[in-house]
Amino acid sequence: MLAQLNISHRDPRGLSLVELMVVIAVLGIVLAVAIPSFGDMLARKRVQLIAAELVSDLAFARSESGLKSYGIHTYFQQSPVMSCYLIVQRTGPIDRCDCSREVGSACAGTIGLTEIKTAQIPSSTGVTIKVLAPLAISSGLTGLQFSPLHMVPSAPELKVLVASSRGSQPKLQIELNGMGRVKLCCPDGSFTGVQPCV
C-alpha cells in the first residue's frame, strides 16, 4: 500500500504586492493631508510661545521698575539672522547694546547698563518680532523705558507683532496701554481664545 502523503495547505502569510501598493498609496494620501496641518500647528504654537514669553517679560520689566530707583529698558532689534529683544537696567548714560550677540554679552563693554534678559528668535524658526509703534533709541534698536517707581512706559500705546511666515502665517499682537499694562490680542481673529485686536 502506498503511504499517504500528509500534505497540509498552509494559509498564506504576508501581503501580496498589490496589497502592499494599496497600503503605500493610502499612507501617501494621509501624509499629504496631514503634513501641511502639522506645519501650520507648529507655526501657531511657536507664535503663541514667543508671544507669551514677551508678555511675561514686559510685565516683569514693568514690575522691576516699580521696585528700583533706575529705569528698566526693553530694546528690540531685527536682522536677517534673527529677531531679538533684551531687558536692561540703566543706571548711567545710554550706550549701544546688541541683542544678536551671545546671551550675557549683549551690552558688554557699555557703562551703566546691566543685562537682565536676552531673548533671541532665529529666522530659521519662521517667527519674527516687529515693533509697530517704535521709539528710536539708537541705530538698529527700538525700545521703551518703564520709569522708576511709577512703572509707566515711555512709549504708551506700544504695539509689537509676533508673526510667522509659515503655514497660515499666524500672528499675535502685544499692546501696552498708557499705564504699562500688557495685553495680548489677535489682529486677524485666527486664534481661538485670544480676543481680536481693536
N, C-alpha and C. Protein backbone atom coordinates (compact mmCIF):
# COMPACT_ATOMS: atom_id res chain seq x y z
N MET A 1 0.82 -1.15 0.00
CA MET A 1 0.00 0.00 0.00
C MET A 1 0.88 1.24 0.00
N LEU A 2 0.46 2.12 -0.71
CA LEU A 2 1.24 3.36 -0.81
C LEU A 2 1.01 4.21 0.42
N ALA A 3 2.05 4.72 0.87
CA ALA A 3 1.93 5.61 2.03
C ALA A 3 1.25 6.88 1.60
N GLN A 4 0.36 7.27 2.43
CA GLN A 4 -0.36 8.51 2.12
C GLN A 4 0.51 9.70 2.52
N LEU A 5 0.56 10.56 1.64
CA LEU A 5 1.30 11.79 1.93
C LEU A 5 0.40 12.75 2.70
N ASN A 6 0.89 13.22 3.80
CA ASN A 6 0.13 14.15 4.61
C ASN A 6 0.59 15.57 4.27
N ILE A 7 -0.05 16.14 3.32
CA ILE A 7 0.30 17.50 2.88
C ILE A 7 -0.81 18.41 3.36
N SER A 8 -0.46 19.33 4.21
CA SER A 8 -1.46 20.30 4.68
C SER A 8 -1.24 21.61 3.94
N HIS A 9 -2.32 22.23 3.65
CA HIS A 9 -2.25 23.53 2.97
C HIS A 9 -2.16 24.62 4.02
N ARG A 10 -1.14 25.36 3.96
CA ARG A 10 -0.97 26.46 4.92
C ARG A 10 -1.68 27.71 4.40
N ASP A 11 -2.12 28.52 5.37
CA ASP A 11 -2.66 29.83 4.98
C ASP A 11 -1.49 30.72 4.59
N PRO A 12 -1.63 31.44 3.52
CA PRO A 12 -0.53 32.32 3.13
C PRO A 12 -0.34 33.44 4.17
N ARG A 13 0.90 33.70 4.49
CA ARG A 13 1.20 34.78 5.44
C ARG A 13 1.90 35.90 4.68
N GLY A 14 1.58 37.16 5.11
CA GLY A 14 2.19 38.31 4.47
C GLY A 14 1.24 38.97 3.49
N LEU A 15 1.74 39.97 2.81
CA LEU A 15 0.94 40.74 1.88
C LEU A 15 1.40 40.48 0.46
N SER A 16 0.45 40.52 -0.42
CA SER A 16 0.83 40.41 -1.83
C SER A 16 1.34 41.78 -2.28
N LEU A 17 1.94 41.83 -3.42
CA LEU A 17 2.48 43.07 -3.95
C LEU A 17 1.38 44.10 -4.17
N VAL A 18 0.22 43.68 -4.62
CA VAL A 18 -0.90 44.60 -4.87
C VAL A 18 -1.38 45.22 -3.55
N GLU A 19 -1.50 44.36 -2.52
CA GLU A 19 -1.95 44.87 -1.21
C GLU A 19 -0.94 45.86 -0.64
N LEU A 20 0.33 45.57 -0.81
CA LEU A 20 1.37 46.47 -0.33
C LEU A 20 1.31 47.82 -1.05
N MET A 21 1.08 47.80 -2.34
CA MET A 21 0.98 49.04 -3.12
C MET A 21 -0.24 49.87 -2.68
N VAL A 22 -1.34 49.20 -2.36
CA VAL A 22 -2.54 49.92 -1.89
C VAL A 22 -2.26 50.58 -0.54
N VAL A 23 -1.59 49.87 0.37
CA VAL A 23 -1.25 50.43 1.69
C VAL A 23 -0.34 51.65 1.52
N ILE A 24 0.64 51.57 0.65
CA ILE A 24 1.56 52.68 0.42
C ILE A 24 0.81 53.88 -0.17
N ALA A 25 -0.10 53.64 -1.09
CA ALA A 25 -0.88 54.73 -1.69
C ALA A 25 -1.75 55.42 -0.64
N VAL A 26 -2.39 54.64 0.23
CA VAL A 26 -3.24 55.23 1.28
C VAL A 26 -2.39 56.04 2.25
N LEU A 27 -1.23 55.51 2.64
CA LEU A 27 -0.33 56.25 3.53
C LEU A 27 0.14 57.56 2.88
N GLY A 28 0.41 57.52 1.60
CA GLY A 28 0.83 58.73 0.88
C GLY A 28 -0.25 59.80 0.90
N ILE A 29 -1.49 59.39 0.72
CA ILE A 29 -2.61 60.34 0.75
C ILE A 29 -2.78 60.93 2.14
N VAL A 30 -2.72 60.07 3.17
CA VAL A 30 -2.86 60.55 4.55
C VAL A 30 -1.74 61.53 4.89
N LEU A 31 -0.50 61.23 4.52
CA LEU A 31 0.62 62.12 4.80
C LEU A 31 0.50 63.44 4.04
N ALA A 32 0.02 63.39 2.80
CA ALA A 32 -0.14 64.61 2.02
C ALA A 32 -1.14 65.55 2.65
N VAL A 33 -2.14 65.00 3.33
CA VAL A 33 -3.13 65.82 4.01
C VAL A 33 -2.62 66.28 5.37
N ALA A 34 -1.91 65.41 6.10
CA ALA A 34 -1.52 65.68 7.49
C ALA A 34 -0.33 66.61 7.62
N ILE A 35 0.64 66.53 6.72
CA ILE A 35 1.88 67.31 6.88
C ILE A 35 1.62 68.82 6.85
N PRO A 36 0.83 69.36 5.91
CA PRO A 36 0.57 70.81 5.97
C PRO A 36 -0.14 71.22 7.26
N SER A 37 -1.06 70.41 7.76
CA SER A 37 -1.74 70.73 9.01
C SER A 37 -0.77 70.72 10.17
N PHE A 38 0.15 69.78 10.18
CA PHE A 38 1.14 69.69 11.24
C PHE A 38 2.06 70.91 11.20
N GLY A 39 2.48 71.31 10.00
CA GLY A 39 3.32 72.50 9.86
C GLY A 39 2.61 73.76 10.34
N ASP A 40 1.32 73.87 10.03
CA ASP A 40 0.54 75.02 10.48
C ASP A 40 0.42 75.01 12.01
N MET A 41 0.21 73.82 12.58
CA MET A 41 0.09 73.72 14.03
C MET A 41 1.40 74.13 14.71
N LEU A 42 2.54 73.71 14.16
CA LEU A 42 3.83 74.10 14.72
C LEU A 42 4.05 75.61 14.64
N ALA A 43 3.69 76.21 13.50
CA ALA A 43 3.85 77.67 13.34
C ALA A 43 3.00 78.41 14.36
N ARG A 44 1.76 77.97 14.55
CA ARG A 44 0.87 78.62 15.53
C ARG A 44 1.42 78.47 16.94
N LYS A 45 1.93 77.29 17.28
CA LYS A 45 2.46 77.05 18.62
C LYS A 45 3.70 77.91 18.89
N ARG A 46 4.57 78.05 17.88
CA ARG A 46 5.76 78.89 18.05
C ARG A 46 5.37 80.34 18.32
N VAL A 47 4.41 80.84 17.54
CA VAL A 47 3.95 82.23 17.73
C VAL A 47 3.37 82.40 19.13
N GLN A 48 2.54 81.44 19.57
CA GLN A 48 1.94 81.52 20.90
C GLN A 48 3.00 81.53 21.99
N LEU A 49 3.99 80.65 21.90
CA LEU A 49 5.02 80.56 22.93
C LEU A 49 5.87 81.82 23.00
N ILE A 50 6.27 82.34 21.85
CA ILE A 50 7.12 83.54 21.83
C ILE A 50 6.33 84.75 22.32
N ALA A 51 5.06 84.87 21.91
CA ALA A 51 4.22 85.98 22.37
C ALA A 51 3.99 85.90 23.87
N ALA A 52 3.75 84.70 24.39
CA ALA A 52 3.53 84.54 25.84
C ALA A 52 4.79 84.92 26.61
N GLU A 53 5.96 84.54 26.09
CA GLU A 53 7.21 84.89 26.76
C GLU A 53 7.41 86.40 26.77
N LEU A 54 7.12 87.06 25.64
CA LEU A 54 7.29 88.51 25.56
C LEU A 54 6.32 89.23 26.51
N VAL A 55 5.07 88.76 26.58
CA VAL A 55 4.10 89.34 27.51
C VAL A 55 4.62 89.24 28.94
N SER A 56 5.12 88.07 29.29
CA SER A 56 5.66 87.84 30.63
C SER A 56 6.88 88.74 30.89
N ASP A 57 7.77 88.87 29.91
CA ASP A 57 8.97 89.67 30.09
C ASP A 57 8.65 91.16 30.22
N LEU A 58 7.67 91.66 29.45
CA LEU A 58 7.28 93.07 29.58
C LEU A 58 6.64 93.34 30.94
N ALA A 59 5.81 92.41 31.40
CA ALA A 59 5.21 92.56 32.73
C ALA A 59 6.30 92.53 33.81
N PHE A 60 7.30 91.68 33.63
CA PHE A 60 8.42 91.61 34.57
C PHE A 60 9.19 92.93 34.58
N ALA A 61 9.50 93.47 33.40
CA ALA A 61 10.24 94.73 33.30
C ALA A 61 9.47 95.85 33.99
N ARG A 62 8.17 95.87 33.79
CA ARG A 62 7.34 96.90 34.44
C ARG A 62 7.39 96.75 35.96
N SER A 63 7.23 95.53 36.45
CA SER A 63 7.23 95.34 37.90
C SER A 63 8.60 95.64 38.51
N GLU A 64 9.67 95.31 37.81
CA GLU A 64 11.01 95.62 38.31
C GLU A 64 11.22 97.13 38.43
N SER A 65 10.67 97.90 37.47
CA SER A 65 10.84 99.35 37.53
C SER A 65 10.11 99.94 38.74
N GLY A 66 9.08 99.27 39.22
CA GLY A 66 8.38 99.74 40.41
C GLY A 66 9.17 99.51 41.68
N LEU A 67 10.15 98.62 41.63
CA LEU A 67 10.95 98.30 42.81
C LEU A 67 12.29 99.02 42.83
N LYS A 68 12.69 99.57 41.69
CA LYS A 68 14.03 100.14 41.56
C LYS A 68 13.97 101.66 41.44
N SER A 69 15.09 102.28 41.70
CA SER A 69 15.16 103.73 41.56
C SER A 69 15.80 104.13 40.23
N TYR A 70 15.97 103.16 39.32
CA TYR A 70 16.51 103.43 38.00
C TYR A 70 15.63 102.76 36.95
N GLY A 71 15.76 103.22 35.73
CA GLY A 71 14.89 102.75 34.66
C GLY A 71 15.20 101.34 34.20
N ILE A 72 14.14 100.63 33.83
CA ILE A 72 14.27 99.32 33.20
C ILE A 72 13.88 99.51 31.74
N HIS A 73 14.77 99.16 30.85
CA HIS A 73 14.56 99.36 29.42
C HIS A 73 14.38 98.02 28.71
N THR A 74 13.55 98.03 27.69
CA THR A 74 13.40 96.88 26.80
C THR A 74 13.74 97.34 25.39
N TYR A 75 14.71 96.71 24.77
CA TYR A 75 15.14 97.04 23.41
C TYR A 75 14.79 95.91 22.46
N PHE A 76 14.35 96.28 21.26
CA PHE A 76 14.02 95.31 20.21
C PHE A 76 14.97 95.53 19.05
N GLN A 77 15.32 94.44 18.38
CA GLN A 77 16.22 94.54 17.24
C GLN A 77 15.87 93.44 16.24
N GLN A 78 16.01 93.77 14.97
CA GLN A 78 15.76 92.80 13.91
C GLN A 78 16.92 92.79 12.95
N SER A 79 17.31 91.60 12.50
CA SER A 79 18.35 91.47 11.48
C SER A 79 17.93 90.32 10.57
N PRO A 80 18.62 90.11 9.47
CA PRO A 80 18.27 88.98 8.60
C PRO A 80 18.45 87.63 9.29
N VAL A 81 19.26 87.58 10.34
CA VAL A 81 19.55 86.33 11.02
C VAL A 81 18.57 86.02 12.15
N MET A 82 18.07 87.07 12.83
CA MET A 82 17.19 86.83 13.97
C MET A 82 16.41 88.09 14.35
N SER A 83 15.35 87.87 15.13
CA SER A 83 14.67 88.93 15.88
C SER A 83 15.08 88.71 17.32
N CYS A 84 15.28 89.80 18.05
CA CYS A 84 15.66 89.63 19.44
C CYS A 84 15.21 90.84 20.25
N TYR A 85 15.18 90.64 21.55
CA TYR A 85 14.94 91.75 22.47
C TYR A 85 15.72 91.50 23.74
N LEU A 86 16.01 92.60 24.44
CA LEU A 86 16.72 92.45 25.69
C LEU A 86 16.15 93.43 26.71
N ILE A 87 16.25 93.04 27.96
CA ILE A 87 15.81 93.86 29.07
C ILE A 87 17.06 94.23 29.86
N VAL A 88 17.24 95.54 30.07
CA VAL A 88 18.42 96.01 30.79
C VAL A 88 18.01 97.01 31.87
N GLN A 89 18.83 97.10 32.90
CA GLN A 89 18.66 98.17 33.88
C GLN A 89 19.67 99.24 33.53
N ARG A 90 19.22 100.46 33.58
CA ARG A 90 20.08 101.57 33.17
C ARG A 90 20.34 102.47 34.37
N THR A 91 21.60 102.60 34.70
CA THR A 91 21.99 103.49 35.80
C THR A 91 22.90 104.61 35.32
N GLY A 92 23.26 104.58 34.07
CA GLY A 92 24.16 105.60 33.53
C GLY A 92 23.69 106.01 32.15
N PRO A 93 24.55 106.70 31.40
CA PRO A 93 24.17 107.14 30.06
C PRO A 93 23.94 105.96 29.12
N ILE A 94 23.03 106.17 28.17
CA ILE A 94 22.70 105.09 27.25
C ILE A 94 23.88 104.82 26.33
N ASP A 95 24.06 103.58 26.01
CA ASP A 95 25.13 103.18 25.11
C ASP A 95 24.57 102.09 24.20
N ARG A 96 25.38 101.61 23.30
CA ARG A 96 24.93 100.66 22.27
C ARG A 96 24.95 99.23 22.79
N CYS A 97 23.78 98.57 22.77
CA CYS A 97 23.68 97.14 23.05
C CYS A 97 23.32 96.44 21.75
N ASP A 98 23.58 95.17 21.69
CA ASP A 98 23.25 94.38 20.51
C ASP A 98 22.76 93.01 20.98
N CYS A 99 21.44 92.78 20.88
CA CYS A 99 20.87 91.53 21.39
C CYS A 99 21.16 90.34 20.49
N SER A 100 21.81 90.58 19.34
CA SER A 100 22.18 89.44 18.49
C SER A 100 23.51 88.83 18.92
N ARG A 101 24.19 89.49 19.87
CA ARG A 101 25.40 88.91 20.43
C ARG A 101 25.04 87.73 21.32
N GLU A 102 26.05 87.04 21.77
CA GLU A 102 25.84 85.90 22.66
C GLU A 102 25.10 86.36 23.92
N VAL A 103 24.16 85.52 24.37
CA VAL A 103 23.39 85.84 25.57
C VAL A 103 24.35 86.07 26.73
N GLY A 104 24.13 87.17 27.45
CA GLY A 104 25.00 87.52 28.56
C GLY A 104 26.05 88.56 28.18
N SER A 105 26.23 88.79 26.87
CA SER A 105 27.22 89.78 26.44
C SER A 105 26.60 90.82 25.50
N ALA A 106 25.28 90.97 25.55
CA ALA A 106 24.60 91.92 24.65
C ALA A 106 25.03 93.35 24.91
N CYS A 107 25.32 93.68 26.15
CA CYS A 107 25.74 95.04 26.50
C CYS A 107 27.19 95.07 26.98
N ALA A 108 27.97 94.09 26.57
CA ALA A 108 29.37 94.01 27.01
C ALA A 108 30.12 95.27 26.60
N GLY A 109 30.88 95.81 27.53
CA GLY A 109 31.68 96.98 27.25
C GLY A 109 30.94 98.29 27.41
N THR A 110 29.66 98.26 27.72
CA THR A 110 28.92 99.51 27.92
C THR A 110 28.94 99.88 29.39
N ILE A 111 28.85 101.15 29.65
CA ILE A 111 28.88 101.65 31.02
C ILE A 111 27.46 102.02 31.43
N GLY A 112 27.05 101.54 32.60
CA GLY A 112 25.76 101.93 33.13
C GLY A 112 24.59 101.07 32.67
N LEU A 113 24.87 100.00 31.95
CA LEU A 113 23.79 99.11 31.51
C LEU A 113 24.08 97.70 32.00
N THR A 114 23.09 97.08 32.64
CA THR A 114 23.23 95.71 33.10
C THR A 114 22.17 94.86 32.42
N GLU A 115 22.61 93.85 31.73
CA GLU A 115 21.70 92.96 31.01
C GLU A 115 20.93 92.08 32.00
N ILE A 116 19.60 92.11 31.90
CA ILE A 116 18.76 91.26 32.75
C ILE A 116 18.34 90.02 31.98
N LYS A 117 17.89 90.21 30.74
CA LYS A 117 17.47 89.07 29.92
C LYS A 117 17.65 89.40 28.45
N THR A 118 18.07 88.39 27.69
CA THR A 118 18.14 88.49 26.23
C THR A 118 17.37 87.32 25.65
N ALA A 119 16.47 87.62 24.73
CA ALA A 119 15.72 86.57 24.03
C ALA A 119 16.02 86.69 22.54
N GLN A 120 16.41 85.57 21.94
CA GLN A 120 16.76 85.54 20.52
C GLN A 120 15.87 84.55 19.80
N ILE A 121 15.27 84.98 18.68
CA ILE A 121 14.42 84.12 17.86
C ILE A 121 15.07 84.03 16.49
N PRO A 122 15.76 82.92 16.20
CA PRO A 122 16.42 82.78 14.89
C PRO A 122 15.40 82.80 13.75
N SER A 123 15.78 83.38 12.62
CA SER A 123 14.86 83.43 11.48
C SER A 123 14.56 82.05 10.93
N SER A 124 15.36 81.05 11.28
CA SER A 124 15.08 79.68 10.82
C SER A 124 13.78 79.14 11.41
N THR A 125 13.29 79.74 12.51
CA THR A 125 12.01 79.31 13.09
C THR A 125 10.83 79.84 12.28
N GLY A 126 11.07 80.85 11.44
CA GLY A 126 10.00 81.45 10.66
C GLY A 126 9.23 82.52 11.42
N VAL A 127 9.61 82.78 12.68
CA VAL A 127 8.89 83.74 13.52
C VAL A 127 9.72 85.02 13.65
N THR A 128 9.05 86.17 13.55
CA THR A 128 9.71 87.45 13.72
C THR A 128 8.95 88.29 14.75
N ILE A 129 9.68 89.19 15.38
CA ILE A 129 9.08 90.17 16.30
C ILE A 129 9.29 91.53 15.65
N LYS A 130 8.19 92.27 15.47
CA LYS A 130 8.29 93.57 14.81
C LYS A 130 7.57 94.61 15.66
N VAL A 131 8.27 95.70 15.96
CA VAL A 131 7.68 96.80 16.71
C VAL A 131 6.89 97.66 15.74
N LEU A 132 5.59 97.82 16.00
CA LEU A 132 4.73 98.57 15.08
C LEU A 132 4.72 100.06 15.39
N ALA A 133 4.95 100.42 16.66
CA ALA A 133 4.97 101.83 17.05
C ALA A 133 6.30 102.08 17.75
N PRO A 134 7.41 102.18 16.97
CA PRO A 134 8.72 102.21 17.60
C PRO A 134 9.07 103.55 18.23
N LEU A 135 9.90 103.46 19.22
CA LEU A 135 10.55 104.62 19.81
C LEU A 135 12.03 104.41 19.56
N ALA A 136 12.63 105.21 18.71
CA ALA A 136 14.04 105.00 18.36
C ALA A 136 14.93 105.34 19.53
N ILE A 137 15.87 104.48 19.82
CA ILE A 137 16.83 104.70 20.88
C ILE A 137 18.19 105.02 20.26
N SER A 138 18.68 104.13 19.46
CA SER A 138 19.92 104.35 18.72
C SER A 138 19.85 103.51 17.46
N SER A 139 20.82 103.62 16.61
CA SER A 139 20.73 102.95 15.32
C SER A 139 20.54 101.45 15.47
N GLY A 140 19.52 100.93 14.82
CA GLY A 140 19.26 99.49 14.84
C GLY A 140 18.43 99.02 16.02
N LEU A 141 18.22 99.87 17.02
CA LEU A 141 17.46 99.47 18.20
C LEU A 141 16.21 100.33 18.34
N THR A 142 15.14 99.71 18.78
CA THR A 142 13.95 100.45 19.20
C THR A 142 13.60 99.94 20.58
N GLY A 143 12.92 100.74 21.35
CA GLY A 143 12.60 100.28 22.68
C GLY A 143 11.81 101.26 23.50
N LEU A 144 11.69 100.90 24.77
CA LEU A 144 10.96 101.75 25.70
C LEU A 144 11.55 101.60 27.08
N GLN A 145 11.22 102.55 27.93
CA GLN A 145 11.67 102.52 29.31
C GLN A 145 10.43 102.54 30.20
N PHE A 146 10.46 101.73 31.25
CA PHE A 146 9.48 101.84 32.31
C PHE A 146 10.09 102.74 33.37
N SER A 147 9.43 103.86 33.66
CA SER A 147 10.02 104.83 34.57
C SER A 147 10.13 104.28 35.99
N PRO A 148 11.19 104.66 36.68
CA PRO A 148 11.39 104.15 38.04
C PRO A 148 10.24 104.53 38.95
N LEU A 149 9.83 103.59 39.78
CA LEU A 149 8.81 103.72 40.81
C LEU A 149 7.39 103.89 40.27
N HIS A 150 7.22 104.59 39.14
CA HIS A 150 5.87 104.83 38.60
C HIS A 150 5.41 103.73 37.65
N MET A 151 6.34 102.98 37.08
CA MET A 151 6.06 101.85 36.18
C MET A 151 5.33 102.25 34.90
N VAL A 152 5.43 103.50 34.49
CA VAL A 152 4.77 104.00 33.29
C VAL A 152 5.74 103.89 32.12
N PRO A 153 5.29 103.39 30.96
CA PRO A 153 6.20 103.24 29.82
C PRO A 153 6.46 104.57 29.11
N SER A 154 7.66 104.70 28.55
CA SER A 154 7.99 105.90 27.78
C SER A 154 7.31 105.87 26.41
N ALA A 155 6.83 104.72 26.00
CA ALA A 155 6.14 104.59 24.71
C ALA A 155 4.74 104.02 24.95
N PRO A 156 3.80 104.86 25.44
CA PRO A 156 2.45 104.35 25.65
C PRO A 156 1.84 103.95 24.31
N GLU A 157 0.94 103.02 24.37
CA GLU A 157 0.28 102.51 23.16
C GLU A 157 1.26 101.77 22.25
N LEU A 158 2.34 101.23 22.80
CA LEU A 158 3.29 100.45 22.02
C LEU A 158 2.62 99.16 21.54
N LYS A 159 2.88 98.78 20.30
CA LYS A 159 2.36 97.53 19.73
C LYS A 159 3.52 96.74 19.13
N VAL A 160 3.56 95.46 19.48
CA VAL A 160 4.61 94.57 18.97
C VAL A 160 3.92 93.38 18.33
N LEU A 161 4.26 93.07 17.08
CA LEU A 161 3.66 91.97 16.34
C LEU A 161 4.61 90.77 16.34
N VAL A 162 4.07 89.61 16.74
CA VAL A 162 4.80 88.35 16.66
C VAL A 162 4.12 87.55 15.55
N ALA A 163 4.85 87.28 14.48
CA ALA A 163 4.23 86.66 13.30
C ALA A 163 5.12 85.56 12.74
N SER A 164 4.47 84.60 12.09
CA SER A 164 5.17 83.51 11.43
C SER A 164 4.98 83.64 9.93
N SER A 165 6.00 83.28 9.18
CA SER A 165 5.91 83.30 7.72
C SER A 165 5.53 81.93 7.18
N ARG A 166 5.24 80.98 8.07
CA ARG A 166 4.94 79.61 7.66
C ARG A 166 3.47 79.28 7.89
N GLY A 167 3.04 78.22 7.23
CA GLY A 167 1.66 77.75 7.40
C GLY A 167 0.67 78.82 6.99
N SER A 168 -0.33 79.04 7.83
CA SER A 168 -1.34 80.05 7.54
C SER A 168 -0.90 81.43 8.01
N GLN A 169 0.38 81.58 8.30
CA GLN A 169 1.00 82.83 8.74
C GLN A 169 0.29 83.43 9.96
N PRO A 170 0.25 82.67 11.07
CA PRO A 170 -0.41 83.17 12.27
C PRO A 170 0.33 84.35 12.88
N LYS A 171 -0.42 85.22 13.55
CA LYS A 171 0.19 86.37 14.20
C LYS A 171 -0.58 86.74 15.45
N LEU A 172 0.17 87.23 16.43
CA LEU A 172 -0.39 87.76 17.66
C LEU A 172 0.24 89.12 17.92
N GLN A 173 -0.50 89.97 18.60
CA GLN A 173 -0.02 91.32 18.87
C GLN A 173 -0.01 91.58 20.37
N ILE A 174 1.07 92.20 20.84
CA ILE A 174 1.19 92.59 22.24
C ILE A 174 1.05 94.10 22.28
N GLU A 175 0.19 94.58 23.17
CA GLU A 175 -0.06 96.01 23.28
C GLU A 175 0.16 96.47 24.71
N LEU A 176 0.70 97.67 24.85
CA LEU A 176 0.85 98.32 26.16
C LEU A 176 -0.08 99.52 26.20
N ASN A 177 -0.79 99.70 27.31
CA ASN A 177 -1.59 100.91 27.43
C ASN A 177 -0.75 101.98 28.12
N GLY A 178 -1.32 103.15 28.35
CA GLY A 178 -0.59 104.28 28.93
C GLY A 178 -0.06 104.00 30.32
N MET A 179 -0.67 103.05 31.04
CA MET A 179 -0.22 102.70 32.38
C MET A 179 0.83 101.59 32.34
N GLY A 180 1.07 101.02 31.17
CA GLY A 180 2.08 99.97 31.03
C GLY A 180 1.54 98.56 31.17
N ARG A 181 0.23 98.44 31.26
CA ARG A 181 -0.35 97.09 31.35
C ARG A 181 -0.26 96.41 29.99
N VAL A 182 0.06 95.13 30.02
CA VAL A 182 0.31 94.36 28.80
C VAL A 182 -0.94 93.59 28.42
N LYS A 183 -1.27 93.62 27.14
CA LYS A 183 -2.43 92.90 26.63
C LYS A 183 -2.04 92.12 25.39
N LEU A 184 -2.56 90.90 25.26
CA LEU A 184 -2.32 90.05 24.09
C LEU A 184 -3.60 90.00 23.28
N CYS A 185 -3.50 90.22 21.98
CA CYS A 185 -4.67 90.14 21.11
C CYS A 185 -4.26 89.58 19.75
N CYS A 186 -5.26 89.25 18.95
CA CYS A 186 -5.02 88.67 17.62
C CYS A 186 -5.51 89.63 16.55
N PRO A 187 -4.62 90.12 15.67
CA PRO A 187 -5.04 91.10 14.66
C PRO A 187 -6.06 90.58 13.66
N ASP A 188 -6.00 89.28 13.33
CA ASP A 188 -6.93 88.75 12.32
C ASP A 188 -7.97 87.81 12.91
N GLY A 189 -8.01 87.65 14.22
CA GLY A 189 -9.01 86.80 14.86
C GLY A 189 -8.82 85.31 14.61
N SER A 190 -7.63 84.89 14.20
CA SER A 190 -7.42 83.49 13.83
C SER A 190 -7.12 82.57 15.02
N PHE A 191 -6.81 83.14 16.19
CA PHE A 191 -6.53 82.33 17.37
C PHE A 191 -7.77 82.27 18.25
N THR A 192 -8.26 81.06 18.47
CA THR A 192 -9.41 80.92 19.37
C THR A 192 -8.92 81.13 20.80
N GLY A 193 -9.76 81.76 21.60
CA GLY A 193 -9.40 82.03 22.99
C GLY A 193 -8.59 83.28 23.18
N VAL A 194 -8.21 83.97 22.09
CA VAL A 194 -7.49 85.24 22.17
C VAL A 194 -8.38 86.30 21.57
N GLN A 195 -8.62 87.38 22.33
CA GLN A 195 -9.52 88.40 21.81
C GLN A 195 -8.94 89.11 20.61
N PRO A 196 -9.79 89.52 19.67
CA PRO A 196 -9.28 90.25 18.50
C PRO A 196 -8.80 91.65 18.90
N CYS A 197 -7.81 92.14 18.17
CA CYS A 197 -7.31 93.50 18.42
C CYS A 197 -8.35 94.52 17.95
N VAL A 198 -8.44 95.59 18.70
CA VAL A 198 -9.42 96.64 18.35
C VAL A 198 -8.75 97.70 17.52
